[in-house]
Amino acid sequence: MSKHSVSGQAPFWPRMLKKASVCAYLELSAAEIEREIAGGRLPHPVVLGNSLHWSRAEIDAYLERLTGETDAPDDWRKGTKLYAQG
């Protein structure tokens, strides 16, 4: 199946994504993806077959924490006054 929308249907995204697909999925450039990984806002890839892949579910989980849709269970900032959200 294609990742692109066909006749108004939602796009198909595989469970594991190569970098080009991650870029399309997040609408970010490859350089932006690298910066987000380095900043801890996106997960690191894993080797699958002979190339790097990202788990779509893990990307979604990182984005949910980033947007505040879910709380990170191990978020060290919660217990600090400096980063506490009021």
PDB file of N, CA and C in Angstrom:
ATOM      1  N   MET A   1       0.836  -1.191   0.000  1.00  0.00           N
ATOM      2  CA  MET A   1       0.000   0.000   0.000  1.00  0.00           C
ATOM      3  C   MET A   1       0.874   1.245   0.000  1.00  0.00           C
ATOM      4  N   SER A   2       0.345   2.284  -0.508  1.00  0.00           N
ATOM      5  CA  SER A   2       1.060   3.552  -0.565  1.00  0.00           C
ATOM      6  C   SER A   2       0.850   4.330   0.728  1.00  0.00           C
ATOM      7  N   LYS A   3       1.839   5.147   1.087  1.00  0.00           N
ATOM      8  CA  LYS A   3       1.715   6.002   2.263  1.00  0.00           C
ATOM      9  C   LYS A   3       0.818   7.202   1.981  1.00  0.00           C
ATOM     10  N   HIS A   4       0.589   7.471   0.707  1.00  0.00           N
ATOM     11  CA  HIS A   4      -0.131   8.678   0.344  1.00  0.00           C
ATOM     12  C   HIS A   4      -1.627   8.423   0.267  1.00  0.00           C
ATOM     13  N   SER A   5      -2.382   9.445   0.568  1.00  0.00           N
ATOM     14  CA  SER A   5      -3.836   9.344   0.574  1.00  0.00           C
ATOM     15  C   SER A   5      -4.349   9.079  -0.837  1.00  0.00           C
ATOM     16  N   VAL A   6      -5.301   8.176  -0.928  1.00  0.00           N
ATOM     17  CA  VAL A   6      -5.937   7.865  -2.196  1.00  0.00           C
ATOM     18  C   VAL A   6      -7.424   8.141  -2.042  1.00  0.00           C
ATOM     19  N   SER A   7      -7.952   8.963  -2.901  1.00  0.00           N
ATOM     20  CA  SER A   7      -9.378   9.297  -2.927  1.00  0.00           C
ATOM     21  C   SER A   7      -9.934   9.660  -1.545  1.00  0.00           C
ATOM     22  N   GLY A   8      -9.231  10.517  -0.817  1.00  0.00           N
ATOM     23  CA  GLY A   8      -9.736  11.017   0.451  1.00  0.00           C
ATOM     24  C   GLY A   8      -9.549  10.098   1.643  1.00  0.00           C
ATOM     25  N   GLN A   9      -8.959   8.934   1.450  1.00  0.00           N
ATOM     26  CA  GLN A   9      -8.726   8.016   2.563  1.00  0.00           C
ATOM     27  C   GLN A   9      -7.479   8.441   3.328  1.00  0.00           C
ATOM     28  N   ALA A  10      -7.445   8.077   4.604  1.00  0.00           N
ATOM     29  CA  ALA A  10      -6.264   8.370   5.418  1.00  0.00           C
ATOM     30  C   ALA A  10      -5.074   7.590   4.872  1.00  0.00           C
ATOM     31  N   PRO A  11      -3.868   8.155   4.963  1.00  0.00           N
ATOM     32  CA  PRO A  11      -2.686   7.446   4.462  1.00  0.00           C
ATOM     33  C   PRO A  11      -2.373   6.207   5.293  1.00  0.00           C
ATOM     34  N   PHE A  12      -1.739   5.245   4.665  1.00  0.00           N
ATOM     35  CA  PHE A  12      -1.276   4.037   5.337  1.00  0.00           C
ATOM     36  C   PHE A  12       0.153   4.264   5.796  1.00  0.00           C
ATOM     37  N   TRP A  13       0.432   4.008   7.065  1.00  0.00           N
ATOM     38  CA  TRP A  13       1.786   4.121   7.594  1.00  0.00           C
ATOM     39  C   TRP A  13       2.165   2.768   8.175  1.00  0.00           C
ATOM     40  N   PRO A  14       3.276   2.182   7.724  1.00  0.00           N
ATOM     41  CA  PRO A  14       3.700   0.893   8.272  1.00  0.00           C
ATOM     42  C   PRO A  14       4.098   1.003   9.733  1.00  0.00           C
ATOM     43  N   ARG A  15       4.159  -0.126  10.407  1.00  0.00           N
ATOM     44  CA  ARG A  15       4.518  -0.194  11.834  1.00  0.00           C
ATOM     45  C   ARG A  15       5.924   0.338  12.078  1.00  0.00           C
ATOM     46  N   MET A  16       6.855   0.002  11.188  1.00  0.00           N
ATOM     47  CA  MET A  16       8.239   0.468  11.281  1.00  0.00           C
ATOM     48  C   MET A  16       8.527   1.345  10.068  1.00  0.00           C
ATOM     49  N   LEU A  17       9.109   2.515  10.335  1.00  0.00           N
ATOM     50  CA  LEU A  17       9.327   3.516   9.289  1.00  0.00           C
ATOM     51  C   LEU A  17      10.805   3.769   9.045  1.00  0.00           C
ATOM     52  N   LYS A  18      11.189   3.891   7.771  1.00  0.00           N
ATOM     53  CA  LYS A  18      12.534   4.348   7.431  1.00  0.00           C
ATOM     54  C   LYS A  18      12.548   5.871   7.554  1.00  0.00           C
ATOM     55  N   LYS A  19      13.744   6.459   7.513  1.00  0.00           N
ATOM     56  CA  LYS A  19      13.874   7.892   7.778  1.00  0.00           C
ATOM     57  C   LYS A  19      13.025   8.746   6.833  1.00  0.00           C
ATOM     58  N   ALA A  20      12.996   8.431   5.556  1.00  0.00           N
ATOM     59  CA  ALA A  20      12.201   9.224   4.614  1.00  0.00           C
ATOM     60  C   ALA A  20      10.719   9.192   5.004  1.00  0.00           C
ATOM     61  N   SER A  21      10.252   8.056   5.468  1.00  0.00           N
ATOM     62  CA  SER A  21       8.855   7.946   5.896  1.00  0.00           C
ATOM     63  C   SER A  21       8.614   8.720   7.187  1.00  0.00           C
ATOM     64  N   VAL A  22       9.596   8.681   8.105  1.00  0.00           N
ATOM     65  CA  VAL A  22       9.477   9.460   9.347  1.00  0.00           C
ATOM     66  C   VAL A  22       9.384  10.948   9.009  1.00  0.00           C
ATOM     67  N   CYS A  23      10.220  11.392   8.089  1.00  0.00           N
ATOM     68  CA  CYS A  23      10.182  12.801   7.668  1.00  0.00           C
ATOM     69  C   CYS A  23       8.804  13.167   7.126  1.00  0.00           C
ATOM     70  N   ALA A  24       8.246  12.307   6.275  1.00  0.00           N
ATOM     71  CA  ALA A  24       6.920  12.566   5.715  1.00  0.00           C
ATOM     72  C   ALA A  24       5.852  12.499   6.795  1.00  0.00           C
ATOM     73  N   TYR A  25       5.946  11.512   7.675  1.00  0.00           N
ATOM     74  CA  TYR A  25       4.961  11.314   8.742  1.00  0.00           C
ATOM     75  C   TYR A  25       4.882  12.527   9.658  1.00  0.00           C
ATOM     76  N   LEU A  26       6.045  13.107   9.980  1.00  0.00           N
ATOM     77  CA  LEU A  26       6.106  14.242  10.901  1.00  0.00           C
ATOM     78  C   LEU A  26       6.185  15.592  10.202  1.00  0.00           C
ATOM     79  N   GLU A  27       6.313  15.558   8.875  1.00  0.00           N
ATOM     80  CA  GLU A  27       6.488  16.773   8.085  1.00  0.00           C
ATOM     81  C   GLU A  27       7.679  17.588   8.580  1.00  0.00           C
ATOM     82  N   LEU A  28       8.795  16.884   8.777  1.00  0.00           N
ATOM     83  CA  LEU A  28      10.057  17.492   9.189  1.00  0.00           C
ATOM     84  C   LEU A  28      11.144  17.063   8.219  1.00  0.00           C
ATOM     85  N   SER A  29      12.190  17.871   8.108  1.00  0.00           N
ATOM     86  CA  SER A  29      13.335  17.493   7.284  1.00  0.00           C
ATOM     87  C   SER A  29      14.184  16.477   8.028  1.00  0.00           C
ATOM     88  N   ALA A  30      15.098  15.845   7.306  1.00  0.00           N
ATOM     89  CA  ALA A  30      16.005  14.878   7.930  1.00  0.00           C
ATOM     90  C   ALA A  30      16.851  15.549   9.008  1.00  0.00           C
ATOM     91  N   ALA A  31      17.294  16.776   8.759  1.00  0.00           N
ATOM     92  CA  ALA A  31      18.084  17.506   9.760  1.00  0.00           C
ATOM     93  C   ALA A  31      17.249  17.810  11.003  1.00  0.00           C
ATOM     94  N   GLU A  32      15.992  18.159  10.805  1.00  0.00           N
ATOM     95  CA  GLU A  32      15.113  18.431  11.948  1.00  0.00           C
ATOM     96  C   GLU A  32      14.868  17.155  12.756  1.00  0.00           C
ATOM     97  N   ILE A  33      14.714  16.031  12.069  1.00  0.00           N
ATOM     98  CA  ILE A  33      14.547  14.743  12.759  1.00  0.00           C
ATOM     99  C   ILE A  33      15.761  14.480  13.641  1.00  0.00           C
ATOM    100  N   GLU A  34      16.957  14.672  13.094  1.00  0.00           N
ATOM    101  CA  GLU A  34      18.193  14.443  13.858  1.00  0.00           C
ATOM    102  C   GLU A  34      18.259  15.350  15.083  1.00  0.00           C
ATOM    103  N   ARG A  35      17.879  16.617  14.928  1.00  0.00           N
ATOM    104  CA  ARG A  35      17.893  17.553  16.065  1.00  0.00           C
ATOM    105  C   ARG A  35      16.887  17.126  17.136  1.00  0.00           C
ATOM    106  N   GLU A  36      15.728  16.658  16.722  1.00  0.00           N
ATOM    107  CA  GLU A  36      14.707  16.228  17.677  1.00  0.00           C
ATOM    108  C   GLU A  36      15.149  14.976  18.426  1.00  0.00           C
ATOM    109  N   ILE A  37      15.840  14.069  17.740  1.00  0.00           N
ATOM    110  CA  ILE A  37      16.384  12.872  18.393  1.00  0.00           C
ATOM    111  C   ILE A  37      17.450  13.284  19.406  1.00  0.00           C
ATOM    112  N   ALA A  38      18.365  14.157  18.989  1.00  0.00           N
ATOM    113  CA  ALA A  38      19.430  14.621  19.883  1.00  0.00           C
ATOM    114  C   ALA A  38      18.861  15.337  21.099  1.00  0.00           C
ATOM    115  N   GLY A  39      17.732  16.032  20.912  1.00  0.00           N
ATOM    116  CA  GLY A  39      17.096  16.747  22.014  1.00  0.00           C
ATOM    117  C   GLY A  39      16.203  15.869  22.873  1.00  0.00           C
ATOM    118  N   GLY A  40      16.074  14.594  22.516  1.00  0.00           N
ATOM    119  CA  GLY A  40      15.267  13.677  23.309  1.00  0.00           C
ATOM    120  C   GLY A  40      13.772  13.769  23.042  1.00  0.00           C
ATOM    121  N   ARG A  41      13.391  14.510  22.012  1.00  0.00           N
ATOM    122  CA  ARG A  41      11.969  14.671  21.717  1.00  0.00           C
ATOM    123  C   ARG A  41      11.447  13.612  20.750  1.00  0.00           C
ATOM    124  N   LEU A  42      12.349  12.865  20.121  1.00  0.00           N
ATOM    125  CA  LEU A  42      11.985  11.733  19.266  1.00  0.00           C
ATOM    126  C   LEU A  42      12.865  10.545  19.638  1.00  0.00           C
ATOM    127  N   PRO A  43      12.363   9.326  19.421  1.00  0.00           N
ATOM    128  CA  PRO A  43      13.138   8.136  19.781  1.00  0.00           C
ATOM    129  C   PRO A  43      14.267   7.857  18.792  1.00  0.00           C
ATOM    130  N   HIS A  44      15.230   7.090  19.254  1.00  0.00           N
ATOM    131  CA  HIS A  44      16.307   6.619  18.382  1.00  0.00           C
ATOM    132  C   HIS A  44      15.785   5.492  17.507  1.00  0.00           C
ATOM    133  N   PRO A  45      16.386   5.324  16.330  1.00  0.00           N
ATOM    134  CA  PRO A  45      15.974   4.216  15.472  1.00  0.00           C
ATOM    135  C   PRO A  45      16.586   2.898  15.939  1.00  0.00           C
ATOM    136  N   VAL A  46      16.089   1.809  15.375  1.00  0.00           N
ATOM    137  CA  VAL A  46      16.655   0.482  15.603  1.00  0.00           C
ATOM    138  C   VAL A  46      17.040  -0.098  14.249  1.00  0.00           C
ATOM    139  N   VAL A  47      18.006  -1.010  14.262  1.00  0.00           N
ATOM    140  CA  VAL A  47      18.387  -1.678  13.023  1.00  0.00           C
ATOM    141  C   VAL A  47      17.412  -2.820  12.791  1.00  0.00           C
ATOM    142  N   LEU A  48      16.785  -2.803  11.640  1.00  0.00           N
ATOM    143  CA  LEU A  48      15.853  -3.843  11.233  1.00  0.00           C
ATOM    144  C   LEU A  48      16.221  -4.206   9.807  1.00  0.00           C
ATOM    145  N   GLY A  49      16.551  -5.482   9.594  1.00  0.00           N
ATOM    146  CA  GLY A  49      17.109  -5.836   8.295  1.00  0.00           C
ATOM    147  C   GLY A  49      18.493  -5.226   8.211  1.00  0.00           C
ATOM    148  N   ASN A  50      18.732  -4.456   7.185  1.00  0.00           N
ATOM    149  CA  ASN A  50      20.038  -3.802   7.028  1.00  0.00           C
ATOM    150  C   ASN A  50      19.948  -2.287   7.124  1.00  0.00           C
ATOM    151  N   SER A  51      18.850  -1.773   7.657  1.00  0.00           N
ATOM    152  CA  SER A  51      18.721  -0.325   7.718  1.00  0.00           C
ATOM    153  C   SER A  51      18.029   0.120   9.007  1.00  0.00           C
ATOM    154  N   LEU A  52      18.100   1.414   9.242  1.00  0.00           N
ATOM    155  CA  LEU A  52      17.500   1.997  10.436  1.00  0.00           C
ATOM    156  C   LEU A  52      16.000   2.184  10.235  1.00  0.00           C
ATOM    157  N   HIS A  53      15.254   1.869  11.279  1.00  0.00           N
ATOM    158  CA  HIS A  53      13.802   2.037  11.267  1.00  0.00           C
ATOM    159  C   HIS A  53      13.360   2.628  12.601  1.00  0.00           C
ATOM    160  N   TRP A  54      12.253   3.341  12.570  1.00  0.00           N
ATOM    161  CA  TRP A  54      11.632   3.882  13.765  1.00  0.00           C
ATOM    162  C   TRP A  54      10.283   3.221  13.961  1.00  0.00           C
ATOM    163  N   SER A  55       9.950   2.963  15.198  1.00  0.00           N
ATOM    164  CA  SER A  55       8.634   2.432  15.534  1.00  0.00           C
ATOM    165  C   SER A  55       7.628   3.573  15.484  1.00  0.00           C
ATOM    166  N   ARG A  56       6.602   3.423  14.655  1.00  0.00           N
ATOM    167  CA  ARG A  56       5.562   4.446  14.571  1.00  0.00           C
ATOM    168  C   ARG A  56       4.867   4.616  15.924  1.00  0.00           C
ATOM    169  N   ALA A  57       4.635   3.520  16.624  1.00  0.00           N
ATOM    170  CA  ALA A  57       3.988   3.596  17.939  1.00  0.00           C
ATOM    171  C   ALA A  57       4.854   4.363  18.937  1.00  0.00           C
ATOM    172  N   GLU A  58       6.170   4.144  18.876  1.00  0.00           N
ATOM    173  CA  GLU A  58       7.070   4.861  19.787  1.00  0.00           C
ATOM    174  C   GLU A  58       7.126   6.344  19.440  1.00  0.00           C
ATOM    175  N   ILE A  59       7.128   6.660  18.146  1.00  0.00           N
ATOM    176  CA  ILE A  59       7.087   8.067  17.735  1.00  0.00           C
ATOM    177  C   ILE A  59       5.815   8.713  18.265  1.00  0.00           C
ATOM    178  N   ASP A  60       4.690   8.028  18.097  1.00  0.00           N
ATOM    179  CA  ASP A  60       3.417   8.565  18.577  1.00  0.00           C
ATOM    180  C   ASP A  60       3.434   8.774  20.086  1.00  0.00           C
ATOM    181  N   ALA A  61       4.026   7.835  20.826  1.00  0.00           N
ATOM    182  CA  ALA A  61       4.102   7.958  22.286  1.00  0.00           C
ATOM    183  C   ALA A  61       4.953   9.173  22.683  1.00  0.00           C
ATOM    184  N   TYR A  62       6.083   9.378  22.003  1.00  0.00           N
ATOM    185  CA  TYR A  62       6.923  10.546  22.283  1.00  0.00           C
ATOM    186  C   TYR A  62       6.140  11.836  22.014  1.00  0.00           C
ATOM    187  N   LEU A  63       5.396  11.860  20.898  1.00  0.00           N
ATOM    188  CA  LEU A  63       4.632  13.057  20.551  1.00  0.00           C
ATOM    189  C   LEU A  63       3.513  13.318  21.550  1.00  0.00           C
ATOM    190  N   GLU A  64       2.892  12.264  22.055  1.00  0.00           N
ATOM    191  CA  GLU A  64       1.841  12.441  23.057  1.00  0.00           C
ATOM    192  C   GLU A  64       2.395  13.043  24.341  1.00  0.00           C
ATOM    193  N   ARG A  65       3.592  12.612  24.739  1.00  0.00           N
ATOM    194  CA  ARG A  65       4.223  13.212  25.924  1.00  0.00           C
ATOM    195  C   ARG A  65       4.624  14.655  25.633  1.00  0.00           C
ATOM    196  N   LEU A  66       5.155  14.894  24.439  1.00  0.00           N
ATOM    197  CA  LEU A  66       5.604  16.231  24.058  1.00  0.00           C
ATOM    198  C   LEU A  66       4.451  17.229  24.046  1.00  0.00           C
ATOM    199  N   THR A  67       3.292  16.785  23.592  1.00  0.00           N
ATOM    200  CA  THR A  67       2.136  17.675  23.498  1.00  0.00           C
ATOM    201  C   THR A  67       1.305  17.711  24.766  1.00  0.00           C
ATOM    202  N   GLY A  68       1.679  16.885  25.751  1.00  0.00           N
ATOM    203  CA  GLY A  68       0.952  16.867  27.004  1.00  0.00           C
ATOM    204  C   GLY A  68      -0.286  15.999  26.988  1.00  0.00           C
ATOM    205  N   GLU A  69      -0.476  15.214  25.929  1.00  0.00           N
ATOM    206  CA  GLU A  69      -1.640  14.330  25.859  1.00  0.00           C
ATOM    207  C   GLU A  69      -1.544  13.215  26.892  1.00  0.00           C
ATOM    208  N   THR A  70      -0.327  12.815  27.223  1.00  0.00           N
ATOM    209  CA  THR A  70      -0.091  11.841  28.288  1.00  0.00           C
ATOM    210  C   THR A  70       1.118  12.310  29.081  1.00  0.00           C
ATOM    211  N   ASP A  71       1.201  11.896  30.330  1.00  0.00           N
ATOM    212  CA  ASP A  71       2.345  12.236  31.160  1.00  0.00           C
ATOM    213  C   ASP A  71       3.408  11.167  31.018  1.00  0.00           C
ATOM    214  N   ALA A  72       4.635  11.592  30.951  1.00  0.00           N
ATOM    215  CA  ALA A  72       5.745  10.648  30.945  1.00  0.00           C
ATOM    216  C   ALA A  72       5.895  10.097  32.359  1.00  0.00           C
ATOM    217  N   PRO A  73       5.845   8.785  32.545  1.00  0.00           N
ATOM    218  CA  PRO A  73       5.912   8.222  33.889  1.00  0.00           C
ATOM    219  C   PRO A  73       7.225   8.515  34.611  1.00  0.00           C
ATOM    220  N   ASP A  74       8.285   8.704  33.859  1.00  0.00           N
ATOM    221  CA  ASP A  74       9.586   8.922  34.477  1.00  0.00           C
ATOM    222  C   ASP A  74      10.092  10.354  34.259  1.00  0.00           C
ATOM    223  N   ASP A  75       9.177  11.280  34.091  1.00  0.00           N
ATOM    224  CA  ASP A  75       9.565  12.659  33.826  1.00  0.00           C
ATOM    225  C   ASP A  75      10.129  13.279  35.104  1.00  0.00           C
ATOM    226  N   TRP A  76      11.428  13.461  35.139  1.00  0.00           N
ATOM    227  CA  TRP A  76      12.123  13.970  36.315  1.00  0.00           C
ATOM    228  C   TRP A  76      11.726  15.410  36.633  1.00  0.00           C
ATOM    229  N   ARG A  77      11.171  16.122  35.648  1.00  0.00           N
ATOM    230  CA  ARG A  77      10.834  17.533  35.856  1.00  0.00           C
ATOM    231  C   ARG A  77       9.627  17.723  36.761  1.00  0.00           C
ATOM    232  N   LYS A  78       8.785  16.710  36.888  1.00  0.00           N
ATOM    233  CA  LYS A  78       7.571  16.845  37.684  1.00  0.00           C
ATOM    234  C   LYS A  78       7.851  17.223  39.134  1.00  0.00           C
ATOM    235  N   GLY A  79       8.909  16.691  39.713  1.00  0.00           N
ATOM    236  CA  GLY A  79       9.186  16.927  41.118  1.00  0.00           C
ATOM    237  C   GLY A  79      10.046  18.148  41.390  1.00  0.00           C
ATOM    238  N   THR A  80      10.364  18.933  40.398  1.00  0.00           N
ATOM    239  CA  THR A  80      11.220  20.095  40.607  1.00  0.00           C
ATOM    240  C   THR A  80      10.402  21.379  40.529  1.00  0.00           C
ATOM    241  N   LYS A  81      10.740  22.334  41.361  1.00  0.00           N
ATOM    242  CA  LYS A  81      10.043  23.612  41.364  1.00  0.00           C
ATOM    243  C   LYS A  81      10.311  24.388  40.078  1.00  0.00           C
ATOM    244  N   LEU A  82      11.509  24.272  39.556  1.00  0.00           N
ATOM    245  CA  LEU A  82      11.885  25.017  38.363  1.00  0.00           C
ATOM    246  C   LEU A  82      11.013  24.635  37.184  1.00  0.00           C
ATOM    247  N   TYR A  83      10.711  23.350  37.015  1.00  0.00           N
ATOM    248  CA  TYR A  83       9.953  22.893  35.850  1.00  0.00           C
ATOM    249  C   TYR A  83       8.505  22.547  36.156  1.00  0.00           C
ATOM    250  N   ALA A  84       8.071  22.739  37.363  1.00  0.00           N
ATOM    251  CA  ALA A  84       6.681  22.414  37.718  1.00  0.00           C
ATOM    252  C   ALA A  84       5.731  23.282  36.915  1.00  0.00           C
ATOM    253  N   GLN A  85       4.694  22.650  36.426  1.00  0.00           N
ATOM    254  CA  GLN A  85       3.687  23.383  35.674  1.00  0.00           C
ATOM    255  C   GLN A  85       2.546  23.728  36.612  1.00  0.00           C
ATOM    256  N   GLY A  86       2.145  24.970  36.565  1.00  0.00           N
ATOM    257  CA  GLY A  86       1.145  25.461  37.488  1.00  0.00           C
ATOM    258  C   GLY A  86      -0.191  25.296  36.958  1.00  0.00           C
TER     259      GLY A  86
END
